[in-house]
């Protein structure tokens, strides 16, 4: 299980909305610009069910854009940021799941 993911609302909707998810897997709807922060999530799978997301991992030299049906396993400890480029549904779960 990863450490406390944080779900941020888009700036134009709220000053800041945080959701503390203490679970081993999650399916989230993200609005355009909405950000999810994962800390120490090495080995966690992120899959875009629909839409498109931008993803960056602490320690990686490049960022990733995932479209519908694409998946990436987080390779590093540290902070991972996921931002919706348009309305998106994503799955977050341990790689073994």
PDB file of N, CA and C in Angstrom:
ATOM      1  N   UNK A   1       0.840  -1.181   0.000  1.00  0.00           N
ATOM      2  CA  UNK A   1       0.000   0.000   0.000  1.00  0.00           C
ATOM      3  C   UNK A   1       0.880   1.237   0.000  1.00  0.00           C
ATOM      4  N   UNK A   2       0.544   2.217  -0.841  1.00  0.00           N
ATOM      5  CA  UNK A   2       1.311   3.445  -0.907  1.00  0.00           C
ATOM      6  C   UNK A   2       0.915   4.389   0.214  1.00  0.00           C
ATOM      7  N   UNK A   3       1.741   5.388   0.429  1.00  0.00           N
ATOM      8  CA  UNK A   3       1.455   6.398   1.448  1.00  0.00           C
ATOM      9  C   UNK A   3       0.461   7.418   0.920  1.00  0.00           C
ATOM     10  N   UNK A   4      -0.578   7.671   1.613  1.00  0.00           N
ATOM     11  CA  UNK A   4      -1.550   8.728   1.469  1.00  0.00           C
ATOM     12  C   UNK A   4      -1.573   9.486   0.143  1.00  0.00           C
ATOM     13  N   UNK A   5      -2.313   9.000  -0.857  1.00  0.00           N
ATOM     14  CA  UNK A   5      -2.503   9.793  -2.063  1.00  0.00           C
ATOM     15  C   UNK A   5      -3.299  11.048  -1.737  1.00  0.00           C
ATOM     16  N   UNK A   6      -3.029  12.113  -2.433  1.00  0.00           N
ATOM     17  CA  UNK A   6      -3.741  13.365  -2.214  1.00  0.00           C
ATOM     18  C   UNK A   6      -4.387  13.768  -3.528  1.00  0.00           C
ATOM     19  N   UNK A   7      -5.699  14.001  -3.508  1.00  0.00           N
ATOM     20  CA  UNK A   7      -6.451  14.419  -4.683  1.00  0.00           C
ATOM     21  C   UNK A   7      -6.732  15.906  -4.566  1.00  0.00           C
ATOM     22  N   UNK A   8      -6.292  16.677  -5.556  1.00  0.00           N
ATOM     23  CA  UNK A   8      -6.466  18.125  -5.548  1.00  0.00           C
ATOM     24  C   UNK A   8      -7.540  18.505  -6.556  1.00  0.00           C
ATOM     25  N   UNK A   9      -8.427  19.443  -6.192  1.00  0.00           N
ATOM     26  CA  UNK A   9      -9.435  19.947  -7.126  1.00  0.00           C
ATOM     27  C   UNK A   9      -8.810  21.006  -8.022  1.00  0.00           C
ATOM     28  N   UNK A  10      -9.360  21.196  -9.234  1.00  0.00           N
ATOM     29  CA  UNK A  10      -8.854  22.267 -10.090  1.00  0.00           C
ATOM     30  C   UNK A  10      -8.985  23.615  -9.394  1.00  0.00           C
ATOM     31  N   UNK A  11      -8.048  24.494  -9.635  1.00  0.00           N
ATOM     32  CA  UNK A  11      -7.994  25.788  -8.953  1.00  0.00           C
ATOM     33  C   UNK A  11      -9.274  26.588  -9.132  1.00  0.00           C
ATOM     34  N   UNK A  12      -9.860  26.541 -10.330  1.00  0.00           N
ATOM     35  CA  UNK A  12     -11.052  27.340 -10.563  1.00  0.00           C
ATOM     36  C   UNK A  12     -12.276  26.810  -9.819  1.00  0.00           C
ATOM     37  N   UNK A  13     -12.235  25.552  -9.344  1.00  0.00           N
ATOM     38  CA  UNK A  13     -13.367  24.982  -8.627  1.00  0.00           C
ATOM     39  C   UNK A  13     -13.326  25.272  -7.134  1.00  0.00           C
ATOM     40  N   UNK A  14     -12.167  25.120  -6.533  1.00  0.00           N
ATOM     41  CA  UNK A  14     -12.006  25.282  -5.095  1.00  0.00           C
ATOM     42  C   UNK A  14     -10.624  25.841  -4.838  1.00  0.00           C
ATOM     43  N   UNK A  15     -10.444  26.453  -3.681  1.00  0.00           N
ATOM     44  CA  UNK A  15      -9.091  26.884  -3.318  1.00  0.00           C
ATOM     45  C   UNK A  15      -8.193  25.664  -3.310  1.00  0.00           C
ATOM     46  N   UNK A  16      -8.559  24.679  -2.531  1.00  0.00           N
ATOM     47  CA  UNK A  16      -7.843  23.397  -2.537  1.00  0.00           C
ATOM     48  C   UNK A  16      -8.704  22.383  -1.810  1.00  0.00           C
ATOM     49  N   UNK A  17      -8.918  21.252  -2.459  1.00  0.00           N
ATOM     50  CA  UNK A  17      -9.649  20.157  -1.849  1.00  0.00           C
ATOM     51  C   UNK A  17      -8.704  18.978  -1.777  1.00  0.00           C
ATOM     52  N   UNK A  18      -8.557  18.405  -0.611  1.00  0.00           N
ATOM     53  CA  UNK A  18      -7.687  17.249  -0.438  1.00  0.00           C
ATOM     54  C   UNK A  18      -8.525  16.052  -0.034  1.00  0.00           C
ATOM     55  N   UNK A  19      -8.219  14.907  -0.605  1.00  0.00           N
ATOM     56  CA  UNK A  19      -8.879  13.677  -0.225  1.00  0.00           C
ATOM     57  C   UNK A  19      -7.793  12.690   0.170  1.00  0.00           C
ATOM     58  N   UNK A  20      -7.871  12.170   1.362  1.00  0.00           N
ATOM     59  CA  UNK A  20      -6.903  11.202   1.862  1.00  0.00           C
ATOM     60  C   UNK A  20      -7.455   9.814   1.570  1.00  0.00           C
ATOM     61  N   UNK A  21      -6.828   9.096   0.644  1.00  0.00           N
ATOM     62  CA  UNK A  21      -7.273   7.761   0.277  1.00  0.00           C
ATOM     63  C   UNK A  21      -6.366   6.738   0.940  1.00  0.00           C
ATOM     64  N   UNK A  22      -6.883   6.002   1.870  1.00  0.00           N
ATOM     65  CA  UNK A  22      -6.103   4.952   2.520  1.00  0.00           C
ATOM     66  C   UNK A  22      -6.684   3.615   2.066  1.00  0.00           C
ATOM     67  N   UNK A  23      -6.230   3.205   0.909  1.00  0.00           N
ATOM     68  CA  UNK A  23      -6.740   1.995   0.296  1.00  0.00           C
ATOM     69  C   UNK A  23      -5.633   1.368  -0.536  1.00  0.00           C
ATOM     70  N   UNK A  24      -5.835   0.143  -0.946  1.00  0.00           N
ATOM     71  CA  UNK A  24      -4.830  -0.501  -1.784  1.00  0.00           C
ATOM     72  C   UNK A  24      -5.120  -0.314  -3.259  1.00  0.00           C
ATOM     73  N   UNK A  25      -6.344   0.043  -3.613  1.00  0.00           N
ATOM     74  CA  UNK A  25      -6.648   0.340  -5.007  1.00  0.00           C
ATOM     75  C   UNK A  25      -7.756   1.380  -5.056  1.00  0.00           C
ATOM     76  N   UNK A  26      -7.787   2.123  -6.160  1.00  0.00           N
ATOM     77  CA  UNK A  26      -8.783   3.180  -6.295  1.00  0.00           C
ATOM     78  C   UNK A  26      -9.081   3.397  -7.767  1.00  0.00           C
ATOM     79  N   UNK A  27     -10.314   3.789  -8.052  1.00  0.00           N
ATOM     80  CA  UNK A  27     -10.709   4.263  -9.371  1.00  0.00           C
ATOM     81  C   UNK A  27     -11.187   5.687  -9.158  1.00  0.00           C
ATOM     82  N   UNK A  28     -10.577   6.625  -9.890  1.00  0.00           N
ATOM     83  CA  UNK A  28     -10.865   8.037  -9.686  1.00  0.00           C
ATOM     84  C   UNK A  28     -11.279   8.702 -10.982  1.00  0.00           C
ATOM     85  N   UNK A  29     -12.238   9.620 -10.882  1.00  0.00           N
ATOM     86  CA  UNK A  29     -12.554  10.512 -11.994  1.00  0.00           C
ATOM     87  C   UNK A  29     -11.804  11.807 -11.748  1.00  0.00           C
ATOM     88  N   UNK A  30     -11.059  12.254 -12.737  1.00  0.00           N
ATOM     89  CA  UNK A  30     -10.317  13.504 -12.637  1.00  0.00           C
ATOM     90  C   UNK A  30     -10.845  14.483 -13.670  1.00  0.00           C
ATOM     91  N   UNK A  31     -11.103  15.694 -13.242  1.00  0.00           N
ATOM     92  CA  UNK A  31     -11.503  16.772 -14.145  1.00  0.00           C
ATOM     93  C   UNK A  31     -10.247  17.394 -14.746  1.00  0.00           C
ATOM     94  N   UNK A  32     -10.358  18.093 -15.868  1.00  0.00           N
ATOM     95  CA  UNK A  32      -9.182  18.714 -16.481  1.00  0.00           C
ATOM     96  C   UNK A  32      -8.411  19.579 -15.481  1.00  0.00           C
ATOM     97  N   UNK A  33      -7.112  19.353 -15.391  1.00  0.00           N
ATOM     98  CA  UNK A  33      -6.257  20.107 -14.480  1.00  0.00           C
ATOM     99  C   UNK A  33      -6.172  19.545 -13.075  1.00  0.00           C
ATOM    100  N   UNK A  34      -7.036  18.609 -12.735  1.00  0.00           N
ATOM    101  CA  UNK A  34      -7.017  18.031 -11.390  1.00  0.00           C
ATOM    102  C   UNK A  34      -5.774  17.165 -11.223  1.00  0.00           C
ATOM    103  N   UNK A  35      -5.189  17.203 -10.022  1.00  0.00           N
ATOM    104  CA  UNK A  35      -3.916  16.532  -9.742  1.00  0.00           C
ATOM    105  C   UNK A  35      -4.082  15.516  -8.619  1.00  0.00           C
ATOM    106  N   UNK A  36      -3.445  14.364  -8.786  1.00  0.00           N
ATOM    107  CA  UNK A  36      -3.321  13.364  -7.722  1.00  0.00           C
ATOM    108  C   UNK A  36      -1.837  13.264  -7.386  1.00  0.00           C
ATOM    109  N   UNK A  37      -1.511  13.299  -6.095  1.00  0.00           N
ATOM    110  CA  UNK A  37      -0.138  13.158  -5.622  1.00  0.00           C
ATOM    111  C   UNK A  37      -0.007  11.822  -4.901  1.00  0.00           C
ATOM    112  N   UNK A  38       0.972  11.015  -5.306  1.00  0.00           N
ATOM    113  CA  UNK A  38       1.267   9.747  -4.639  1.00  0.00           C
ATOM    114  C   UNK A  38       2.679   9.826  -4.083  1.00  0.00           C
ATOM    115  N   UNK A  39       2.848   9.491  -2.826  1.00  0.00           N
ATOM    116  CA  UNK A  39       4.168   9.470  -2.200  1.00  0.00           C
ATOM    117  C   UNK A  39       4.599   8.031  -1.966  1.00  0.00           C
ATOM    118  N   UNK A  40       5.854   7.735  -2.296  1.00  0.00           N
ATOM    119  CA  UNK A  40       6.442   6.409  -2.072  1.00  0.00           C
ATOM    120  C   UNK A  40       5.561   5.297  -2.638  1.00  0.00           C
ATOM    121  N   UNK A  41       5.197   5.428  -3.914  1.00  0.00           N
ATOM    122  CA  UNK A  41       4.269   4.494  -4.559  1.00  0.00           C
ATOM    123  C   UNK A  41       4.968   3.539  -5.526  1.00  0.00           C
ATOM    124  N   UNK A  42       6.248   3.292  -5.316  1.00  0.00           N
ATOM    125  CA  UNK A  42       6.994   2.378  -6.184  1.00  0.00           C
ATOM    126  C   UNK A  42       6.243   1.051  -6.321  1.00  0.00           C
ATOM    127  N   UNK A  43       6.100   0.556  -7.564  1.00  0.00           N
ATOM    128  CA  UNK A  43       5.406  -0.705  -7.804  1.00  0.00           C
ATOM    129  C   UNK A  43       3.908  -0.554  -8.001  1.00  0.00           C
ATOM    130  N   UNK A  44       3.395   0.657  -7.920  1.00  0.00           N
ATOM    131  CA  UNK A  44       1.970   0.909  -8.101  1.00  0.00           C
ATOM    132  C   UNK A  44       1.668   1.107  -9.581  1.00  0.00           C
ATOM    133  N   UNK A  45       0.586   0.494 -10.045  1.00  0.00           N
ATOM    134  CA  UNK A  45       0.157   0.608 -11.434  1.00  0.00           C
ATOM    135  C   UNK A  45      -0.868   1.733 -11.568  1.00  0.00           C
ATOM    136  N   UNK A  46      -0.666   2.590 -12.566  1.00  0.00           N
ATOM    137  CA  UNK A  46      -1.625   3.647 -12.889  1.00  0.00           C
ATOM    138  C   UNK A  46      -2.109   3.370 -14.307  1.00  0.00           C
ATOM    139  N   UNK A  47      -3.428   3.204 -14.469  1.00  0.00           N
ATOM    140  CA  UNK A  47      -4.003   2.924 -15.789  1.00  0.00           C
ATOM    141  C   UNK A  47      -5.062   3.963 -16.104  1.00  0.00           C
ATOM    142  N   UNK A  48      -5.007   4.488 -17.301  1.00  0.00           N
ATOM    143  CA  UNK A  48      -6.017   5.435 -17.754  1.00  0.00           C
ATOM    144  C   UNK A  48      -7.146   4.642 -18.398  1.00  0.00           C
ATOM    145  N   UNK A  49      -8.313   4.667 -17.785  1.00  0.00           N
ATOM    146  CA  UNK A  49      -9.471   3.957 -18.338  1.00  0.00           C
ATOM    147  C   UNK A  49     -10.068   4.730 -19.509  1.00  0.00           C
ATOM    148  N   UNK A  50     -10.160   6.049 -19.361  1.00  0.00           N
ATOM    149  CA  UNK A  50     -10.571   6.921 -20.463  1.00  0.00           C
ATOM    150  C   UNK A  50      -9.984   8.299 -20.206  1.00  0.00           C
ATOM    151  N   UNK A  51      -9.831   9.077 -21.265  1.00  0.00           N
ATOM    152  CA  UNK A  51      -9.239  10.400 -21.129  1.00  0.00           C
ATOM    153  C   UNK A  51      -7.742  10.366 -21.380  1.00  0.00           C
ATOM    154  N   UNK A  52      -7.040  11.329 -20.785  1.00  0.00           N
ATOM    155  CA  UNK A  52      -5.585  11.426 -20.940  1.00  0.00           C
ATOM    156  C   UNK A  52      -4.996  12.101 -19.712  1.00  0.00           C
ATOM    157  N   UNK A  53      -3.855  11.572 -19.245  1.00  0.00           N
ATOM    158  CA  UNK A  53      -3.185  12.135 -18.074  1.00  0.00           C
ATOM    159  C   UNK A  53      -1.717  12.398 -18.378  1.00  0.00           C
ATOM    160  N   UNK A  54      -1.162  13.327 -17.640  1.00  0.00           N
ATOM    161  CA  UNK A  54       0.278  13.607 -17.631  1.00  0.00           C
ATOM    162  C   UNK A  54       0.780  13.086 -16.292  1.00  0.00           C
ATOM    163  N   UNK A  55       1.934  12.421 -16.309  1.00  0.00           N
ATOM    164  CA  UNK A  55       2.464  11.790 -15.102  1.00  0.00           C
ATOM    165  C   UNK A  55       3.956  12.064 -15.007  1.00  0.00           C
ATOM    166  N   UNK A  56       4.411  12.460 -13.823  1.00  0.00           N
ATOM    167  CA  UNK A  56       5.840  12.659 -13.601  1.00  0.00           C
ATOM    168  C   UNK A  56       6.227  12.004 -12.285  1.00  0.00           C
ATOM    169  N   UNK A  57       7.382  11.349 -12.288  1.00  0.00           N
ATOM    170  CA  UNK A  57       7.890  10.656 -11.103  1.00  0.00           C
ATOM    171  C   UNK A  57       9.191  11.291 -10.649  1.00  0.00           C
ATOM    172  N   UNK A  58       9.317  11.483  -9.353  1.00  0.00           N
ATOM    173  CA  UNK A  58      10.586  11.946  -8.792  1.00  0.00           C
ATOM    174  C   UNK A  58      11.662  10.928  -9.158  1.00  0.00           C
ATOM    175  N   UNK A  59      12.773  11.398  -9.707  1.00  0.00           N
ATOM    176  CA  UNK A  59      13.869  10.512 -10.077  1.00  0.00           C
ATOM    177  C   UNK A  59      13.867  10.088 -11.536  1.00  0.00           C
ATOM    178  N   UNK A  60      12.750  10.292 -12.260  1.00  0.00           N
ATOM    179  CA  UNK A  60      12.696   9.974 -13.695  1.00  0.00           C
ATOM    180  C   UNK A  60      13.148  11.185 -14.486  1.00  0.00           C
ATOM    181  N   UNK A  61      13.827  10.957 -15.595  1.00  0.00           N
ATOM    182  CA  UNK A  61      14.307  12.071 -16.408  1.00  0.00           C
ATOM    183  C   UNK A  61      13.262  12.567 -17.394  1.00  0.00           C
ATOM    184  N   UNK A  62      12.209  11.796 -17.624  1.00  0.00           N
ATOM    185  CA  UNK A  62      11.171  12.258 -18.540  1.00  0.00           C
ATOM    186  C   UNK A  62       9.798  12.079 -17.912  1.00  0.00           C
ATOM    187  N   UNK A  63       8.833  12.787 -18.478  1.00  0.00           N
ATOM    188  CA  UNK A  63       7.445  12.686 -18.050  1.00  0.00           C
ATOM    189  C   UNK A  63       6.714  11.757 -19.016  1.00  0.00           C
ATOM    190  N   UNK A  64       5.488  11.394 -18.662  1.00  0.00           N
ATOM    191  CA  UNK A  64       4.721  10.448 -19.466  1.00  0.00           C
ATOM    192  C   UNK A  64       3.316  10.980 -19.684  1.00  0.00           C
ATOM    193  N   UNK A  65       2.783  10.751 -20.866  1.00  0.00           N
ATOM    194  CA  UNK A  65       1.384  11.038 -21.170  1.00  0.00           C
ATOM    195  C   UNK A  65       0.727   9.697 -21.466  1.00  0.00           C
ATOM    196  N   UNK A  66      -0.329   9.391 -20.725  1.00  0.00           N
ATOM    197  CA  UNK A  66      -1.043   8.128 -20.903  1.00  0.00           C
ATOM    198  C   UNK A  66      -2.436   8.411 -21.437  1.00  0.00           C
ATOM    199  N   UNK A  67      -2.783   7.757 -22.544  1.00  0.00           N
ATOM    200  CA  UNK A  67      -4.123   7.855 -23.108  1.00  0.00           C
ATOM    201  C   UNK A  67      -4.972   6.688 -22.640  1.00  0.00           C
ATOM    202  N   UNK A  68      -6.199   6.650 -23.111  1.00  0.00           N
ATOM    203  CA  UNK A  68      -7.144   5.600 -22.727  1.00  0.00           C
ATOM    204  C   UNK A  68      -6.547   4.218 -22.976  1.00  0.00           C
ATOM    205  N   UNK A  69      -6.616   3.364 -21.960  1.00  0.00           N
ATOM    206  CA  UNK A  69      -6.121   1.996 -22.062  1.00  0.00           C
ATOM    207  C   UNK A  69      -4.643   1.823 -21.768  1.00  0.00           C
ATOM    208  N   UNK A  70      -3.914   2.915 -21.594  1.00  0.00           N
ATOM    209  CA  UNK A  70      -2.476   2.810 -21.327  1.00  0.00           C
ATOM    210  C   UNK A  70      -2.207   2.743 -19.826  1.00  0.00           C
ATOM    211  N   UNK A  71      -1.061   2.130 -19.493  1.00  0.00           N
ATOM    212  CA  UNK A  71      -0.722   1.890 -18.091  1.00  0.00           C
ATOM    213  C   UNK A  71       0.766   2.112 -17.882  1.00  0.00           C
ATOM    214  N   UNK A  72       1.102   2.530 -16.672  1.00  0.00           N
ATOM    215  CA  UNK A  72       2.513   2.671 -16.276  1.00  0.00           C
ATOM    216  C   UNK A  72       2.650   2.215 -14.833  1.00  0.00           C
ATOM    217  N   UNK A  73       3.731   1.504 -14.556  1.00  0.00           N
ATOM    218  CA  UNK A  73       4.056   1.110 -13.189  1.00  0.00           C
ATOM    219  C   UNK A  73       5.090   2.103 -12.667  1.00  0.00           C
ATOM    220  N   UNK A  74       4.807   2.680 -11.522  1.00  0.00           N
ATOM    221  CA  UNK A  74       5.715   3.653 -10.909  1.00  0.00           C
ATOM    222  C   UNK A  74       6.989   2.928 -10.512  1.00  0.00           C
ATOM    223  N   UNK A  75       8.129   3.454 -10.937  1.00  0.00           N
ATOM    224  CA  UNK A  75       9.416   2.773 -10.742  1.00  0.00           C
ATOM    225  C   UNK A  75      10.231   3.309  -9.581  1.00  0.00           C
ATOM    226  N   UNK A  76       9.848   4.437  -9.043  1.00  0.00           N
ATOM    227  CA  UNK A  76      10.684   5.081  -8.026  1.00  0.00           C
ATOM    228  C   UNK A  76       9.905   5.407  -6.763  1.00  0.00           C
ATOM    229  N   UNK A  77      10.649   5.420  -5.661  1.00  0.00           N
ATOM    230  CA  UNK A  77      10.090   5.952  -4.423  1.00  0.00           C
ATOM    231  C   UNK A  77      10.079   7.459  -4.584  1.00  0.00           C
ATOM    232  N   UNK A  78       9.495   8.145  -3.674  1.00  0.00           N
ATOM    233  CA  UNK A  78       9.410   9.594  -3.796  1.00  0.00           C
ATOM    234  C   UNK A  78       8.025   9.995  -4.267  1.00  0.00           C
ATOM    235  N   UNK A  79       7.918  11.188  -4.789  1.00  0.00           N
ATOM    236  CA  UNK A  79       6.624  11.758  -5.165  1.00  0.00           C
ATOM    237  C   UNK A  79       6.328  11.530  -6.647  1.00  0.00           C
ATOM    238  N   UNK A  80       5.080  11.149  -6.920  1.00  0.00           N
ATOM    239  CA  UNK A  80       4.567  11.025  -8.281  1.00  0.00           C
ATOM    240  C   UNK A  80       3.368  11.948  -8.410  1.00  0.00           C
ATOM    241  N   UNK A  81       3.341  12.742  -9.475  1.00  0.00           N
ATOM    242  CA  UNK A  81       2.212  13.624  -9.753  1.00  0.00           C
ATOM    243  C   UNK A  81       1.494  13.138 -11.003  1.00  0.00           C
ATOM    244  N   UNK A  82       0.168  13.120 -10.927  1.00  0.00           N
ATOM    245  CA  UNK A  82      -0.678  12.744 -12.054  1.00  0.00           C
ATOM    246  C   UNK A  82      -1.653  13.889 -12.266  1.00  0.00           C
ATOM    247  N   UNK A  83      -1.723  14.413 -13.496  1.00  0.00           N
ATOM    248  CA  UNK A  83      -2.647  15.507 -13.787  1.00  0.00           C
ATOM    249  C   UNK A  83      -3.492  15.147 -15.003  1.00  0.00           C
ATOM    250  N   UNK A  84      -4.811  15.369 -14.880  1.00  0.00           N
ATOM    251  CA  UNK A  84      -5.719  15.106 -15.993  1.00  0.00           C
ATOM    252  C   UNK A  84      -5.568  16.187 -17.056  1.00  0.00           C
ATOM    253  N   UNK A  85      -5.396  15.764 -18.300  1.00  0.00           N
ATOM    254  CA  UNK A  85      -5.320  16.699 -19.419  1.00  0.00           C
ATOM    255  C   UNK A  85      -6.724  17.011 -19.942  1.00  0.00           C
ATOM    256  N   UNK A  86      -7.638  16.095 -19.689  1.00  0.00           N
ATOM    257  CA  UNK A  86      -9.064  16.268 -19.963  1.00  0.00           C
ATOM    258  C   UNK A  86      -9.777  15.348 -18.980  1.00  0.00           C
ATOM    259  N   UNK A  87     -11.099  15.364 -18.948  1.00  0.00           N
ATOM    260  CA  UNK A  87     -11.812  14.494 -18.017  1.00  0.00           C
ATOM    261  C   UNK A  87     -11.341  13.054 -18.224  1.00  0.00           C
ATOM    262  N   UNK A  88     -10.919  12.419 -17.131  1.00  0.00           N
ATOM    263  CA  UNK A  88     -10.304  11.090 -17.204  1.00  0.00           C
ATOM    264  C   UNK A  88     -10.752  10.222 -16.040  1.00  0.00           C
ATOM    265  N   UNK A  89     -10.768   8.939 -16.269  1.00  0.00           N
ATOM    266  CA  UNK A  89     -10.943   7.948 -15.206  1.00  0.00           C
ATOM    267  C   UNK A  89      -9.650   7.153 -15.137  1.00  0.00           C
ATOM    268  N   UNK A  90      -9.100   7.000 -13.920  1.00  0.00           N
ATOM    269  CA  UNK A  90      -7.865   6.237 -13.750  1.00  0.00           C
ATOM    270  C   UNK A  90      -8.037   5.179 -12.668  1.00  0.00           C
ATOM    271  N   UNK A  91      -7.269   4.102 -12.801  1.00  0.00           N
ATOM    272  CA  UNK A  91      -7.176   3.061 -11.770  1.00  0.00           C
ATOM    273  C   UNK A  91      -5.790   3.147 -11.165  1.00  0.00           C
ATOM    274  N   UNK A  92      -5.724   3.065  -9.847  1.00  0.00           N
ATOM    275  CA  UNK A  92      -4.451   3.044  -9.124  1.00  0.00           C
ATOM    276  C   UNK A  92      -4.471   1.797  -8.257  1.00  0.00           C
ATOM    277  N   UNK A  93      -3.472   0.912  -8.455  1.00  0.00           N
ATOM    278  CA  UNK A  93      -3.449  -0.321  -7.665  1.00  0.00           C
ATOM    279  C   UNK A  93      -2.043  -0.902  -7.619  1.00  0.00           C
ATOM    280  N   UNK A  94      -1.772  -1.749  -6.624  1.00  0.00           N
ATOM    281  CA  UNK A  94      -0.468  -2.417  -6.577  1.00  0.00           C
ATOM    282  C   UNK A  94      -0.270  -3.248  -7.845  1.00  0.00           C
ATOM    283  N   UNK A  95       0.949  -3.358  -8.320  1.00  0.00           N
ATOM    284  CA  UNK A  95       1.259  -4.086  -9.553  1.00  0.00           C
ATOM    285  C   UNK A  95       0.764  -5.523  -9.505  1.00  0.00           C
ATOM    286  N   UNK A  96       0.811  -6.165  -8.353  1.00  0.00           N
ATOM    287  CA  UNK A  96       0.407  -7.571  -8.235  1.00  0.00           C
ATOM    288  C   UNK A  96      -1.099  -7.753  -8.377  1.00  0.00           C
ATOM    289  N   UNK A  97      -1.873  -6.661  -8.249  1.00  0.00           N
ATOM    290  CA  UNK A  97      -3.343  -6.767  -8.292  1.00  0.00           C
ATOM    291  C   UNK A  97      -3.854  -6.948  -9.706  1.00  0.00           C
TER     292      UNK A  97
END
